[in-house]
């Protein structure tokens, strides 16, 4: 699992004063963040603090109400014309989104397709790869996530942990610059969590830039370069992973970590 190189002098992800509301409920209240190429950032915090919404804003699954996001130097979801931002047309959004892999809580595999068909669907349709090239890459990724023998299986015949590993391989088939994980183990039985986290550890070692929303504090402490603690739609604390998790500076971070241990 090799990461796609980016421009060396700019962050892979930069967000500036991101705001997002649903009706009168303000979910994000001015989030500023930079993530360097090859960095692993874990987002932690209580439910409803804005972590998942922020993640979905990064690849334009949610539109922002204020602020801007850049991935590898490009504004996400918009282009600037005459000093103003204009939302891109759907085909252009899809093309840029293809550079951002996303793994959800609930796998989102196509149930009527085999594992291999799930993996090659986007590369052949969006990237216009030949079927042979897509199959070759998919087979290699399935081997790396420990599922080489599941090529012709359907999702219903796989465990939750296996489905999530297929979902990770499917995202990697698009050769993303950035991988987003939205609580990827929260829907799994406890005994299945380890296999998924091990795949993510190997991905981190390969140099992939990753932003991970997680409640797995051990993973965050051991694998992340930095941890951001979200509370009330804002980043309350941001710093080196071990420092934030073992010796947090903010009282709200301390209280949250005490509640999850």
C-alpha atoms as a PDB file:
ATOM      1  CA  UNK A   1       0.000   0.000   0.000  1.00  0.00           C
ATOM      2  CA  UNK A   2       1.889   3.005  -1.249  1.00  0.00           C
ATOM      3  CA  UNK A   3       0.864   6.615  -0.851  1.00  0.00           C
ATOM      4  CA  UNK A   4       0.502   9.040  -3.733  1.00  0.00           C
ATOM      5  CA  UNK A   5       3.177  11.799  -3.582  1.00  0.00           C
ATOM      6  CA  UNK A   6       2.067  15.414  -3.298  1.00  0.00           C
ATOM      7  CA  UNK A   7       3.637  18.820  -3.656  1.00  0.00           C
ATOM      8  CA  UNK A   8       6.362  18.884  -0.972  1.00  0.00           C
ATOM      9  CA  UNK A   9       5.965  22.518   0.105  1.00  0.00           C
ATOM     10  CA  UNK A  10       2.256  22.663   0.968  1.00  0.00           C
ATOM     11  CA  UNK A  11       0.029  20.818   3.426  1.00  0.00           C
ATOM     12  CA  UNK A  12      -2.059  17.973   2.072  1.00  0.00           C
ATOM     13  CA  UNK A  13      -5.095  19.386   3.882  1.00  0.00           C
ATOM     14  CA  UNK A  14      -5.763  22.933   5.007  1.00  0.00           C
ATOM     15  CA  UNK A  15      -8.995  24.275   6.402  1.00  0.00           C
ATOM     16  CA  UNK A  16      -9.710  27.887   7.226  1.00  0.00           C
ATOM     17  CA  UNK A  17     -12.564  29.073   9.458  1.00  0.00           C
ATOM     18  CA  UNK A  18     -14.960  26.265   8.500  1.00  0.00           C
ATOM     19  CA  UNK A  19     -18.565  26.811   9.546  1.00  0.00           C
ATOM     20  CA  UNK A  20     -21.486  24.439   9.052  1.00  0.00           C
ATOM     21  CA  UNK A  21     -25.050  24.625  10.345  1.00  0.00           C
ATOM     22  CA  UNK A  22     -28.172  22.515  10.017  1.00  0.00           C
ATOM     23  CA  UNK A  23     -30.991  24.969  10.384  1.00  0.00           C
ATOM     24  CA  UNK A  24     -30.374  26.839  13.615  1.00  0.00           C
ATOM     25  CA  UNK A  25     -27.923  24.247  14.934  1.00  0.00           C
ATOM     26  CA  UNK A  26     -24.325  25.340  14.390  1.00  0.00           C
ATOM     27  CA  UNK A  27     -22.282  22.155  14.085  1.00  0.00           C
ATOM     28  CA  UNK A  28     -18.887  23.606  13.102  1.00  0.00           C
ATOM     29  CA  UNK A  29     -17.841  26.961  14.514  1.00  0.00           C
ATOM     30  CA  UNK A  30     -14.699  28.021  12.715  1.00  0.00           C
ATOM     31  CA  UNK A  31     -12.334  25.063  12.327  1.00  0.00           C
ATOM     32  CA  UNK A  32      -8.735  25.844  11.317  1.00  0.00           C
ATOM     33  CA  UNK A  33      -6.429  22.922  10.631  1.00  0.00           C
ATOM     34  CA  UNK A  34      -3.419  21.810   8.605  1.00  0.00           C
ATOM     35  CA  UNK A  35      -2.384  18.227   7.919  1.00  0.00           C
ATOM     36  CA  UNK A  36       0.966  17.574   6.280  1.00  0.00           C
ATOM     37  CA  UNK A  37       1.542  14.940   3.605  1.00  0.00           C
ATOM     38  CA  UNK A  38       2.209  11.587   5.246  1.00  0.00           C
ATOM     39  CA  UNK A  39       0.730  12.668   8.577  1.00  0.00           C
ATOM     40  CA  UNK A  40      -1.875  10.698  10.528  1.00  0.00           C
ATOM     41  CA  UNK A  41      -4.326  12.881  12.437  1.00  0.00           C
ATOM     42  CA  UNK A  42      -6.961  11.400  14.724  1.00  0.00           C
ATOM     43  CA  UNK A  43     -10.080  13.370  15.626  1.00  0.00           C
ATOM     44  CA  UNK A  44     -11.540  12.499  19.012  1.00  0.00           C
ATOM     45  CA  UNK A  45     -14.359  13.942  21.065  1.00  0.00           C
ATOM     46  CA  UNK A  46     -17.913  13.296  22.255  1.00  0.00           C
ATOM     47  CA  UNK A  47     -20.746  12.369  19.908  1.00  0.00           C
ATOM     48  CA  UNK A  48     -22.241  15.435  18.281  1.00  0.00           C
ATOM     49  CA  UNK A  49     -19.063  17.498  18.561  1.00  0.00           C
ATOM     50  CA  UNK A  50     -18.724  17.933  14.779  1.00  0.00           C
ATOM     51  CA  UNK A  51     -16.010  15.391  13.953  1.00  0.00           C
ATOM     52  CA  UNK A  52     -17.906  13.406  11.327  1.00  0.00           C
ATOM     53  CA  UNK A  53     -19.467  16.519   9.807  1.00  0.00           C
ATOM     54  CA  UNK A  54     -16.007  18.028   9.453  1.00  0.00           C
ATOM     55  CA  UNK A  55     -14.763  14.865   7.760  1.00  0.00           C
ATOM     56  CA  UNK A  56     -17.667  14.928   5.311  1.00  0.00           C
ATOM     57  CA  UNK A  57     -16.964  18.580   4.513  1.00  0.00           C
ATOM     58  CA  UNK A  58     -13.408  17.705   3.483  1.00  0.00           C
ATOM     59  CA  UNK A  59     -14.560  15.729   0.443  1.00  0.00           C
ATOM     60  CA  UNK A  60     -17.652  17.856  -0.183  1.00  0.00           C
ATOM     61  CA  UNK A  61     -20.215  15.300   0.927  1.00  0.00           C
ATOM     62  CA  UNK A  62     -21.403  18.251   2.996  1.00  0.00           C
ATOM     63  CA  UNK A  63     -21.178  21.833   1.734  1.00  0.00           C
ATOM     64  CA  UNK A  64     -19.689  24.392   4.097  1.00  0.00           C
ATOM     65  CA  UNK A  65     -21.526  27.571   5.080  1.00  0.00           C
ATOM     66  CA  UNK A  66     -18.329  29.542   5.571  1.00  0.00           C
ATOM     67  CA  UNK A  67     -14.593  29.166   5.200  1.00  0.00           C
ATOM     68  CA  UNK A  68     -12.511  27.167   2.740  1.00  0.00           C
ATOM     69  CA  UNK A  69     -10.829  23.790   2.457  1.00  0.00           C
ATOM     70  CA  UNK A  70      -7.859  22.866   0.308  1.00  0.00           C
ATOM     71  CA  UNK A  71      -6.643  19.364  -0.513  1.00  0.00           C
ATOM     72  CA  UNK A  72      -3.169  19.348  -2.029  1.00  0.00           C
ATOM     73  CA  UNK A  73      -3.542  23.018  -2.908  1.00  0.00           C
ATOM     74  CA  UNK A  74      -6.971  22.809  -4.584  1.00  0.00           C
ATOM     75  CA  UNK A  75     -10.123  24.294  -3.082  1.00  0.00           C
ATOM     76  CA  UNK A  76     -12.546  21.432  -2.427  1.00  0.00           C
ATOM     77  CA  UNK A  77     -15.872  21.590  -4.258  1.00  0.00           C
ATOM     78  CA  UNK A  78     -15.406  25.076  -5.685  1.00  0.00           C
ATOM     79  CA  UNK A  79     -13.359  27.104  -8.099  1.00  0.00           C
ATOM     80  CA  UNK A  80     -12.479  30.770  -7.850  1.00  0.00           C
ATOM     81  CA  UNK A  81     -13.613  33.072 -10.648  1.00  0.00           C
ATOM     82  CA  UNK A  82     -13.348  36.858 -10.536  1.00  0.00           C
ATOM     83  CA  UNK A  83     -12.591  36.788  -6.828  1.00  0.00           C
ATOM     84  CA  UNK A  84     -15.653  34.697  -5.928  1.00  0.00           C
ATOM     85  CA  UNK A  85     -16.151  31.000  -5.222  1.00  0.00           C
ATOM     86  CA  UNK A  86     -18.456  29.017  -7.488  1.00  0.00           C
ATOM     87  CA  UNK A  87     -19.508  25.446  -6.759  1.00  0.00           C
ATOM     88  CA  UNK A  88     -18.170  22.984  -9.306  1.00  0.00           C
ATOM     89  CA  UNK A  89     -20.428  20.932 -11.537  1.00  0.00           C
ATOM     90  CA  UNK A  90     -21.091  17.391 -10.333  1.00  0.00           C
ATOM     91  CA  UNK A  91     -18.643  15.702 -12.778  1.00  0.00           C
ATOM     92  CA  UNK A  92     -15.831  18.021 -11.619  1.00  0.00           C
ATOM     93  CA  UNK A  93     -16.679  17.419  -7.961  1.00  0.00           C
ATOM     94  CA  UNK A  94     -16.573  13.660  -8.567  1.00  0.00           C
ATOM     95  CA  UNK A  95     -13.231  13.953 -10.329  1.00  0.00           C
ATOM     96  CA  UNK A  96     -11.647  15.822  -7.425  1.00  0.00           C
ATOM     97  CA  UNK A  97     -13.360  13.624  -4.837  1.00  0.00           C
ATOM     98  CA  UNK A  98     -11.741  10.609  -6.484  1.00  0.00           C
ATOM     99  CA  UNK A  99      -8.434  11.786  -4.996  1.00  0.00           C
ATOM    100  CA  UNK A 100      -9.872  11.521  -1.475  1.00  0.00           C
ATOM    101  CA  UNK A 101     -10.602   8.032  -0.173  1.00  0.00           C
ATOM    102  CA  UNK A 102     -13.351   7.678   2.426  1.00  0.00           C
ATOM    103  CA  UNK A 103     -14.205   4.740   4.659  1.00  0.00           C
ATOM    104  CA  UNK A 104     -17.479   4.930   6.569  1.00  0.00           C
ATOM    105  CA  UNK A 105     -18.846   3.241   9.686  1.00  0.00           C
ATOM    106  CA  UNK A 106     -21.140   1.039   7.624  1.00  0.00           C
ATOM    107  CA  UNK A 107     -18.985  -0.326   4.777  1.00  0.00           C
ATOM    108  CA  UNK A 108     -21.315   0.850   1.924  1.00  0.00           C
ATOM    109  CA  UNK A 109     -20.358  -2.024  -0.358  1.00  0.00           C
ATOM    110  CA  UNK A 110     -22.613  -2.799  -3.310  1.00  0.00           C
ATOM    111  CA  UNK A 111     -24.474  -5.922  -2.131  1.00  0.00           C
ATOM    112  CA  UNK A 112     -25.195  -7.240  -5.641  1.00  0.00           C
ATOM    113  CA  UNK A 113     -21.511  -7.150  -6.651  1.00  0.00           C
ATOM    114  CA  UNK A 114     -18.680  -9.502  -5.750  1.00  0.00           C
ATOM    115  CA  UNK A 115     -15.690  -8.206  -3.820  1.00  0.00           C
ATOM    116  CA  UNK A 116     -13.695  -7.812  -7.028  1.00  0.00           C
ATOM    117  CA  UNK A 117     -16.572  -6.063  -8.800  1.00  0.00           C
ATOM    118  CA  UNK A 118     -16.860  -3.642  -5.870  1.00  0.00           C
ATOM    119  CA  UNK A 119     -13.163  -2.811  -6.136  1.00  0.00           C
ATOM    120  CA  UNK A 120     -12.935  -2.251  -9.883  1.00  0.00           C
ATOM    121  CA  UNK A 121     -16.188  -0.338 -10.377  1.00  0.00           C
ATOM    122  CA  UNK A 122     -14.836   3.160  -9.666  1.00  0.00           C
ATOM    123  CA  UNK A 123     -11.374   2.795 -11.267  1.00  0.00           C
ATOM    124  CA  UNK A 124     -12.894   1.608 -14.548  1.00  0.00           C
ATOM    125  CA  UNK A 125     -15.775   4.104 -14.584  1.00  0.00           C
ATOM    126  CA  UNK A 126     -14.202   7.209 -13.039  1.00  0.00           C
ATOM    127  CA  UNK A 127     -10.495   6.817 -13.789  1.00  0.00           C
ATOM    128  CA  UNK A 128     -11.169   5.003 -17.089  1.00  0.00           C
ATOM    129  CA  UNK A 129      -8.646   2.292 -16.253  1.00  0.00           C
ATOM    130  CA  UNK A 130      -8.714  -0.879 -18.276  1.00  0.00           C
ATOM    131  CA  UNK A 131     -10.440  -3.782 -16.554  1.00  0.00           C
ATOM    132  CA  UNK A 132      -7.219  -5.794 -16.620  1.00  0.00           C
ATOM    133  CA  UNK A 133      -5.235  -3.040 -14.885  1.00  0.00           C
ATOM    134  CA  UNK A 134      -7.987  -2.472 -12.305  1.00  0.00           C
ATOM    135  CA  UNK A 135      -8.262  -6.199 -11.540  1.00  0.00           C
ATOM    136  CA  UNK A 136      -4.489  -6.504 -11.119  1.00  0.00           C
ATOM    137  CA  UNK A 137      -4.336  -3.600  -8.666  1.00  0.00           C
ATOM    138  CA  UNK A 138      -7.427  -4.786  -6.791  1.00  0.00           C
ATOM    139  CA  UNK A 139      -5.994  -8.294  -6.419  1.00  0.00           C
ATOM    140  CA  UNK A 140      -2.798  -6.882  -4.941  1.00  0.00           C
ATOM    141  CA  UNK A 141      -4.722  -4.745  -2.462  1.00  0.00           C
ATOM    142  CA  UNK A 142      -6.938  -7.650  -1.412  1.00  0.00           C
ATOM    143  CA  UNK A 143      -3.807  -9.652  -0.687  1.00  0.00           C
ATOM    144  CA  UNK A 144      -2.433  -6.810   1.419  1.00  0.00           C
ATOM    145  CA  UNK A 145      -5.613  -6.618   3.532  1.00  0.00           C
ATOM    146  CA  UNK A 146      -5.656 -10.386   3.983  1.00  0.00           C
ATOM    147  CA  UNK A 147      -8.608 -11.171   1.720  1.00  0.00           C
ATOM    148  CA  UNK A 148      -7.053 -12.644  -1.426  1.00  0.00           C
ATOM    149  CA  UNK A 149      -9.362 -15.658  -1.127  1.00  0.00           C
ATOM    150  CA  UNK A 150     -12.541 -13.534  -1.107  1.00  0.00           C
ATOM    151  CA  UNK A 151     -12.354 -12.195  -4.670  1.00  0.00           C
ATOM    152  CA  UNK A 152     -15.620 -13.814  -5.789  1.00  0.00           C
ATOM    153  CA  UNK A 153     -17.507 -13.562  -2.491  1.00  0.00           C
ATOM    154  CA  UNK A 154     -20.493 -11.273  -2.028  1.00  0.00           C
ATOM    155  CA  UNK A 155     -20.592  -8.829   0.912  1.00  0.00           C
ATOM    156  CA  UNK A 156     -23.332 -10.834   2.674  1.00  0.00           C
ATOM    157  CA  UNK A 157     -20.913 -13.757   2.975  1.00  0.00           C
ATOM    158  CA  UNK A 158     -18.281 -11.662   4.777  1.00  0.00           C
ATOM    159  CA  UNK A 159     -17.954 -10.680   8.413  1.00  0.00           C
ATOM    160  CA  UNK A 160     -18.181  -7.016   9.330  1.00  0.00           C
ATOM    161  CA  UNK A 161     -14.424  -6.819   9.737  1.00  0.00           C
ATOM    162  CA  UNK A 162     -13.873  -8.386   6.324  1.00  0.00           C
ATOM    163  CA  UNK A 163     -16.359  -5.997   4.734  1.00  0.00           C
ATOM    164  CA  UNK A 164     -14.544  -3.044   6.258  1.00  0.00           C
ATOM    165  CA  UNK A 165     -11.195  -4.282   4.960  1.00  0.00           C
ATOM    166  CA  UNK A 166     -12.771  -4.610   1.503  1.00  0.00           C
ATOM    167  CA  UNK A 167     -14.037  -1.033   1.862  1.00  0.00           C
ATOM    168  CA  UNK A 168     -10.499   0.147   2.644  1.00  0.00           C
ATOM    169  CA  UNK A 169      -9.096  -1.732  -0.353  1.00  0.00           C
ATOM    170  CA  UNK A 170     -11.842  -0.268  -2.545  1.00  0.00           C
ATOM    171  CA  UNK A 171     -10.904   3.272  -1.495  1.00  0.00           C
ATOM    172  CA  UNK A 172      -7.219   2.558  -2.161  1.00  0.00           C
ATOM    173  CA  UNK A 173      -8.015   1.320  -5.679  1.00  0.00           C
ATOM    174  CA  UNK A 174      -8.593   4.974  -6.606  1.00  0.00           C
ATOM    175  CA  UNK A 175      -4.987   5.865  -5.675  1.00  0.00           C
ATOM    176  CA  UNK A 176      -6.070   8.603  -3.245  1.00  0.00           C
ATOM    177  CA  UNK A 177      -3.826  11.362  -1.946  1.00  0.00           C
ATOM    178  CA  UNK A 178      -5.737  11.491   1.324  1.00  0.00           C
ATOM    179  CA  UNK A 179      -7.700   8.863   3.265  1.00  0.00           C
ATOM    180  CA  UNK A 180     -10.587   9.760   5.560  1.00  0.00           C
ATOM    181  CA  UNK A 181     -11.931   7.266   8.097  1.00  0.00           C
ATOM    182  CA  UNK A 182     -15.218   7.942   9.899  1.00  0.00           C
ATOM    183  CA  UNK A 183     -15.251   5.704  12.988  1.00  0.00           C
ATOM    184  CA  UNK A 184     -14.321   2.681  10.853  1.00  0.00           C
ATOM    185  CA  UNK A 185     -14.533   0.182  13.727  1.00  0.00           C
ATOM    186  CA  UNK A 186     -17.603   1.466  15.591  1.00  0.00           C
ATOM    187  CA  UNK A 187     -20.024  -0.942  13.876  1.00  0.00           C
ATOM    188  CA  UNK A 188     -17.822  -4.006  14.412  1.00  0.00           C
ATOM    189  CA  UNK A 189     -17.937  -6.689  17.058  1.00  0.00           C
ATOM    190  CA  UNK A 190     -14.974  -6.200  19.442  1.00  0.00           C
ATOM    191  CA  UNK A 191     -13.124  -9.296  18.211  1.00  0.00           C
ATOM    192  CA  UNK A 192     -13.153  -7.970  14.640  1.00  0.00           C
ATOM    193  CA  UNK A 193     -11.727  -4.529  15.417  1.00  0.00           C
ATOM    194  CA  UNK A 194      -8.082  -5.604  15.533  1.00  0.00           C
ATOM    195  CA  UNK A 195      -7.900  -6.804  11.928  1.00  0.00           C
ATOM    196  CA  UNK A 196      -9.193  -3.472  10.608  1.00  0.00           C
ATOM    197  CA  UNK A 197      -6.884  -1.430  12.835  1.00  0.00           C
ATOM    198  CA  UNK A 198      -3.908  -3.528  11.699  1.00  0.00           C
ATOM    199  CA  UNK A 199      -4.679  -2.681   8.058  1.00  0.00           C
ATOM    200  CA  UNK A 200      -4.851   1.002   9.010  1.00  0.00           C
ATOM    201  CA  UNK A 201      -1.531   0.742  10.864  1.00  0.00           C
ATOM    202  CA  UNK A 202       0.146  -0.673   7.768  1.00  0.00           C
ATOM    203  CA  UNK A 203      -1.406   2.060   5.647  1.00  0.00           C
ATOM    204  CA  UNK A 204      -0.011   4.693   8.010  1.00  0.00           C
ATOM    205  CA  UNK A 205       3.451   3.090   7.798  1.00  0.00           C
ATOM    206  CA  UNK A 206       3.277   3.332   3.994  1.00  0.00           C
ATOM    207  CA  UNK A 207       3.123   7.135   4.243  1.00  0.00           C
ATOM    208  CA  UNK A 208      -0.544   7.661   3.428  1.00  0.00           C
ATOM    209  CA  UNK A 209      -1.997  10.908   4.744  1.00  0.00           C
ATOM    210  CA  UNK A 210      -4.899   9.943   7.018  1.00  0.00           C
ATOM    211  CA  UNK A 211      -7.567  11.771   8.998  1.00  0.00           C
ATOM    212  CA  UNK A 212      -9.352   9.359  11.321  1.00  0.00           C
ATOM    213  CA  UNK A 213     -12.417   9.938  13.476  1.00  0.00           C
ATOM    214  CA  UNK A 214     -12.113   7.295  16.175  1.00  0.00           C
ATOM    215  CA  UNK A 215     -12.948   6.240  19.711  1.00  0.00           C
ATOM    216  CA  UNK A 216     -10.014   3.806  19.725  1.00  0.00           C
ATOM    217  CA  UNK A 217      -7.676   5.715  22.015  1.00  0.00           C
ATOM    218  CA  UNK A 218      -4.957   3.049  21.891  1.00  0.00           C
ATOM    219  CA  UNK A 219      -4.821   3.307  18.112  1.00  0.00           C
ATOM    220  CA  UNK A 220      -4.769   7.106  18.266  1.00  0.00           C
ATOM    221  CA  UNK A 221      -1.932   7.116  20.792  1.00  0.00           C
ATOM    222  CA  UNK A 222       0.200   4.544  18.973  1.00  0.00           C
ATOM    223  CA  UNK A 223      -0.403   5.387  15.303  1.00  0.00           C
ATOM    224  CA  UNK A 224      -1.392   9.068  15.031  1.00  0.00           C
ATOM    225  CA  UNK A 225       1.179  11.821  14.738  1.00  0.00           C
ATOM    226  CA  UNK A 226      -1.275  14.310  16.234  1.00  0.00           C
ATOM    227  CA  UNK A 227      -4.688  14.255  17.884  1.00  0.00           C
ATOM    228  CA  UNK A 228      -7.353  16.952  17.687  1.00  0.00           C
ATOM    229  CA  UNK A 229     -10.012  17.022  20.395  1.00  0.00           C
ATOM    230  CA  UNK A 230     -13.356  18.349  19.158  1.00  0.00           C
ATOM    231  CA  UNK A 231     -15.977  19.792  21.463  1.00  0.00           C
ATOM    232  CA  UNK A 232     -18.977  21.911  20.554  1.00  0.00           C
ATOM    233  CA  UNK A 233     -17.980  22.284  16.919  1.00  0.00           C
ATOM    234  CA  UNK A 234     -14.469  23.528  17.633  1.00  0.00           C
ATOM    235  CA  UNK A 235     -10.988  22.108  18.081  1.00  0.00           C
ATOM    236  CA  UNK A 236     -10.369  22.562  21.783  1.00  0.00           C
ATOM    237  CA  UNK A 237      -6.951  20.887  21.902  1.00  0.00           C
ATOM    238  CA  UNK A 238      -4.471  19.849  19.226  1.00  0.00           C
ATOM    239  CA  UNK A 239      -1.053  18.350  19.725  1.00  0.00           C
ATOM    240  CA  UNK A 240       1.203  15.287  19.570  1.00  0.00           C
ATOM    241  CA  UNK A 241      -0.887  12.163  20.014  1.00  0.00           C
ATOM    242  CA  UNK A 242       0.752  10.760  23.137  1.00  0.00           C
ATOM    243  CA  UNK A 243       0.796  14.163  24.801  1.00  0.00           C
ATOM    244  CA  UNK A 244      -2.890  14.867  24.202  1.00  0.00           C
ATOM    245  CA  UNK A 245      -4.028  11.395  25.254  1.00  0.00           C
ATOM    246  CA  UNK A 246      -1.750  10.834  28.250  1.00  0.00           C
ATOM    247  CA  UNK A 247      -1.314  14.410  29.518  1.00  0.00           C
ATOM    248  CA  UNK A 248      -4.061  16.632  28.061  1.00  0.00           C
ATOM    249  CA  UNK A 249      -3.844  20.328  28.860  1.00  0.00           C
ATOM    250  CA  UNK A 250      -7.525  21.301  28.558  1.00  0.00           C
ATOM    251  CA  UNK A 251      -9.995  20.386  31.302  1.00  0.00           C
ATOM    252  CA  UNK A 252     -12.642  19.324  28.786  1.00  0.00           C
ATOM    253  CA  UNK A 253     -10.169  16.963  27.107  1.00  0.00           C
ATOM    254  CA  UNK A 254      -9.249  15.503  30.505  1.00  0.00           C
ATOM    255  CA  UNK A 255     -12.906  14.885  31.336  1.00  0.00           C
ATOM    256  CA  UNK A 256     -13.613  13.227  27.991  1.00  0.00           C
ATOM    257  CA  UNK A 257     -10.594  10.917  28.174  1.00  0.00           C
ATOM    258  CA  UNK A 258     -11.468   9.956  31.751  1.00  0.00           C
ATOM    259  CA  UNK A 259     -14.951   8.968  30.561  1.00  0.00           C
ATOM    260  CA  UNK A 260     -13.720   6.671  27.778  1.00  0.00           C
ATOM    261  CA  UNK A 261     -11.015   4.859  29.700  1.00  0.00           C
END
